[in-house]
Amino acid sequence: MTIMSALIVSIIILAVIALGLWYFERMFAKRPSKYAGLGMPAAFLVLSLFSIIKSIPSLVETMQGQGYGVMAMILTAIFSFVVTNIPTLWIYFVYRRTRKKLGLEIWPFQK
């Protein structure tokens, strides 16, 4: 398998996952309970927090070995947190947009 075909297959898989998440989040957000659609964003947030917390020791060890300071380690951890929360933001955006279109209450905001 060449690099280009592997890239195309990866993009197709990511697109299918993104569309599936979009579909299920819209289904949950359409429920009358204002907390119904928040399960998936909360799950993605928890997963990203666990992944960052788990990677911190190896991050510190690697960066100390390369001679980087504490500020570089903190900035790297923050950047990793932002990148791992892209799915969280995507799902929460779908929740907000769906609830707004239906005229339902959007947590943590009022109508």
C-alpha atoms as a PDB file:
ATOM      1  CA  MET A   1       0.000   0.000   0.000  1.00  0.00           C
ATOM      2  CA  THR A   2       1.464   3.312  -0.976  1.00  0.00           C
ATOM      3  CA  ILE A   3       1.470   6.376   1.225  1.00  0.00           C
ATOM      4  CA  MET A   4      -1.134   8.117  -0.917  1.00  0.00           C
ATOM      5  CA  SER A   5      -3.610   5.234  -0.783  1.00  0.00           C
ATOM      6  CA  ALA A   6      -3.091   4.896   2.984  1.00  0.00           C
ATOM      7  CA  LEU A   7      -3.801   8.608   3.348  1.00  0.00           C
ATOM      8  CA  ILE A   8      -6.988   8.340   1.287  1.00  0.00           C
ATOM      9  CA  VAL A   9      -8.207   5.346   3.309  1.00  0.00           C
ATOM     10  CA  SER A  10      -7.462   7.212   6.563  1.00  0.00           C
ATOM     11  CA  ILE A  11      -9.386  10.272   5.385  1.00  0.00           C
ATOM     12  CA  ILE A  12     -12.359   8.120   4.388  1.00  0.00           C
ATOM     13  CA  ILE A  13     -12.354   6.390   7.790  1.00  0.00           C
ATOM     14  CA  LEU A  14     -12.164   9.735   9.613  1.00  0.00           C
ATOM     15  CA  ALA A  15     -15.022  11.096   7.499  1.00  0.00           C
ATOM     16  CA  VAL A  16     -17.208   8.081   8.313  1.00  0.00           C
ATOM     17  CA  ILE A  17     -16.453   8.473  12.039  1.00  0.00           C
ATOM     18  CA  ALA A  18     -17.191  12.225  11.928  1.00  0.00           C
ATOM     19  CA  LEU A  19     -20.498  11.670  10.120  1.00  0.00           C
ATOM     20  CA  GLY A  20     -21.477   8.935  12.575  1.00  0.00           C
ATOM     21  CA  LEU A  21     -20.729  11.202  15.533  1.00  0.00           C
ATOM     22  CA  TRP A  22     -22.689  14.009  13.874  1.00  0.00           C
ATOM     23  CA  TYR A  23     -25.696  11.718  13.307  1.00  0.00           C
ATOM     24  CA  PHE A  24     -25.797  10.309  16.846  1.00  0.00           C
ATOM     25  CA  GLU A  25     -25.242  13.688  18.495  1.00  0.00           C
ATOM     26  CA  ARG A  26     -28.124  15.195  16.488  1.00  0.00           C
ATOM     27  CA  MET A  27     -30.303  12.277  17.557  1.00  0.00           C
ATOM     28  CA  PHE A  28     -29.454  12.839  21.253  1.00  0.00           C
ATOM     29  CA  ALA A  29     -29.696  16.648  21.043  1.00  0.00           C
ATOM     30  CA  LYS A  30     -33.246  16.459  19.661  1.00  0.00           C
ATOM     31  CA  ARG A  31     -34.507  14.942  22.907  1.00  0.00           C
ATOM     32  CA  PRO A  32     -36.447  17.339  25.140  1.00  0.00           C
ATOM     33  CA  SER A  33     -34.105  16.961  28.132  1.00  0.00           C
ATOM     34  CA  LYS A  34     -31.463  19.705  28.053  1.00  0.00           C
ATOM     35  CA  TYR A  35     -28.766  17.270  29.236  1.00  0.00           C
ATOM     36  CA  ALA A  36     -29.528  14.465  26.759  1.00  0.00           C
ATOM     37  CA  GLY A  37     -27.021  15.575  24.149  1.00  0.00           C
ATOM     38  CA  LEU A  38     -24.199  16.357  26.558  1.00  0.00           C
ATOM     39  CA  GLY A  39     -23.147  12.752  27.183  1.00  0.00           C
ATOM     40  CA  MET A  40     -20.902  12.456  24.136  1.00  0.00           C
ATOM     41  CA  PRO A  41     -19.101  15.800  24.614  1.00  0.00           C
ATOM     42  CA  ALA A  42     -18.531  14.915  28.272  1.00  0.00           C
ATOM     43  CA  ALA A  43     -17.182  11.487  27.318  1.00  0.00           C
ATOM     44  CA  PHE A  44     -14.762  12.999  24.794  1.00  0.00           C
ATOM     45  CA  LEU A  45     -13.622  15.570  27.358  1.00  0.00           C
ATOM     46  CA  VAL A  46     -12.927  12.847  29.925  1.00  0.00           C
ATOM     47  CA  LEU A  47     -11.060  10.761  27.335  1.00  0.00           C
ATOM     48  CA  SER A  48      -8.890  13.720  26.354  1.00  0.00           C
ATOM     49  CA  LEU A  49      -8.135  14.489  30.007  1.00  0.00           C
ATOM     50  CA  PHE A  50      -7.121  10.871  30.631  1.00  0.00           C
ATOM     51  CA  SER A  51      -4.896  10.810  27.561  1.00  0.00           C
ATOM     52  CA  ILE A  52      -3.135  14.040  28.551  1.00  0.00           C
ATOM     53  CA  ILE A  53      -2.664  12.967  32.169  1.00  0.00           C
ATOM     54  CA  LYS A  54      -1.320   9.591  31.041  1.00  0.00           C
ATOM     55  CA  SER A  55       1.136  11.160  28.582  1.00  0.00           C
ATOM     56  CA  ILE A  56       2.577  13.807  30.942  1.00  0.00           C
ATOM     57  CA  PRO A  57       5.285  11.556  32.508  1.00  0.00           C
ATOM     58  CA  SER A  58       6.689  10.486  29.145  1.00  0.00           C
ATOM     59  CA  LEU A  59       6.427  14.059  27.869  1.00  0.00           C
ATOM     60  CA  VAL A  60       8.439  15.383  30.818  1.00  0.00           C
ATOM     61  CA  GLU A  61      11.034  12.618  30.516  1.00  0.00           C
ATOM     62  CA  THR A  62      11.504  13.122  26.784  1.00  0.00           C
ATOM     63  CA  MET A  63      11.677  16.902  26.950  1.00  0.00           C
ATOM     64  CA  GLN A  64      14.088  16.868  29.913  1.00  0.00           C
ATOM     65  CA  GLY A  65      16.310  14.503  27.955  1.00  0.00           C
ATOM     66  CA  GLN A  66      16.354  16.961  25.069  1.00  0.00           C
ATOM     67  CA  GLY A  67      17.123  19.904  27.353  1.00  0.00           C
ATOM     68  CA  TYR A  68      13.816  21.778  27.213  1.00  0.00           C
ATOM     69  CA  GLY A  69      12.583  23.821  30.169  1.00  0.00           C
ATOM     70  CA  VAL A  70       9.402  23.720  32.202  1.00  0.00           C
ATOM     71  CA  MET A  71       7.633  26.363  30.100  1.00  0.00           C
ATOM     72  CA  ALA A  72       8.124  24.311  26.927  1.00  0.00           C
ATOM     73  CA  MET A  73       6.653  21.278  28.697  1.00  0.00           C
ATOM     74  CA  ILE A  74       3.630  23.262  29.869  1.00  0.00           C
ATOM     75  CA  LEU A  75       3.025  24.727  26.412  1.00  0.00           C
ATOM     76  CA  THR A  76       3.314  21.277  24.835  1.00  0.00           C
ATOM     77  CA  ALA A  77       0.799  19.853  27.320  1.00  0.00           C
ATOM     78  CA  ILE A  78      -1.617  22.733  26.649  1.00  0.00           C
ATOM     79  CA  PHE A  79      -1.281  22.302  22.877  1.00  0.00           C
ATOM     80  CA  SER A  80      -1.879  18.540  23.256  1.00  0.00           C
ATOM     81  CA  PHE A  81      -4.984  19.264  25.331  1.00  0.00           C
ATOM     82  CA  VAL A  82      -6.346  21.607  22.658  1.00  0.00           C
ATOM     83  CA  VAL A  83      -5.664  19.109  19.858  1.00  0.00           C
ATOM     84  CA  THR A  84      -7.218  16.169  21.727  1.00  0.00           C
ATOM     85  CA  ASN A  85     -10.350  18.254  22.377  1.00  0.00           C
ATOM     86  CA  ILE A  86     -11.126  18.851  18.697  1.00  0.00           C
ATOM     87  CA  PRO A  87     -13.724  16.009  18.749  1.00  0.00           C
ATOM     88  CA  THR A  88     -15.205  17.450  21.958  1.00  0.00           C
ATOM     89  CA  LEU A  89     -15.622  20.844  20.339  1.00  0.00           C
ATOM     90  CA  TRP A  90     -17.064  19.284  17.177  1.00  0.00           C
ATOM     91  CA  ILE A  91     -19.686  17.311  19.116  1.00  0.00           C
ATOM     92  CA  TYR A  92     -20.593  20.261  21.357  1.00  0.00           C
ATOM     93  CA  PHE A  93     -20.970  22.477  18.254  1.00  0.00           C
ATOM     94  CA  VAL A  94     -23.391  19.930  16.759  1.00  0.00           C
ATOM     95  CA  TYR A  95     -25.318  19.861  20.066  1.00  0.00           C
ATOM     96  CA  ARG A  96     -25.597  23.672  20.204  1.00  0.00           C
ATOM     97  CA  ARG A  97     -26.560  24.026  16.558  1.00  0.00           C
ATOM     98  CA  THR A  98     -29.218  21.302  16.737  1.00  0.00           C
ATOM     99  CA  ARG A  99     -30.753  22.659  19.949  1.00  0.00           C
ATOM    100  CA  LYS A 100     -30.749  26.210  18.583  1.00  0.00           C
ATOM    101  CA  LYS A 101     -32.499  25.171  15.354  1.00  0.00           C
ATOM    102  CA  LEU A 102     -35.196  23.373  17.351  1.00  0.00           C
ATOM    103  CA  GLY A 103     -35.627  26.312  19.733  1.00  0.00           C
ATOM    104  CA  LEU A 104     -34.680  24.205  22.749  1.00  0.00           C
ATOM    105  CA  GLU A 105     -32.617  25.286  25.755  1.00  0.00           C
ATOM    106  CA  ILE A 106     -28.855  25.062  25.259  1.00  0.00           C
ATOM    107  CA  TRP A 107     -26.804  24.164  28.306  1.00  0.00           C
ATOM    108  CA  PRO A 108     -25.154  26.182  29.946  1.00  0.00           C
ATOM    109  CA  PHE A 109     -26.936  29.044  28.154  1.00  0.00           C
ATOM    110  CA  GLN A 110     -30.576  30.042  28.294  1.00  0.00           C
ATOM    111  CA  LYS A 111     -32.846  30.608  25.297  1.00  0.00           C
END
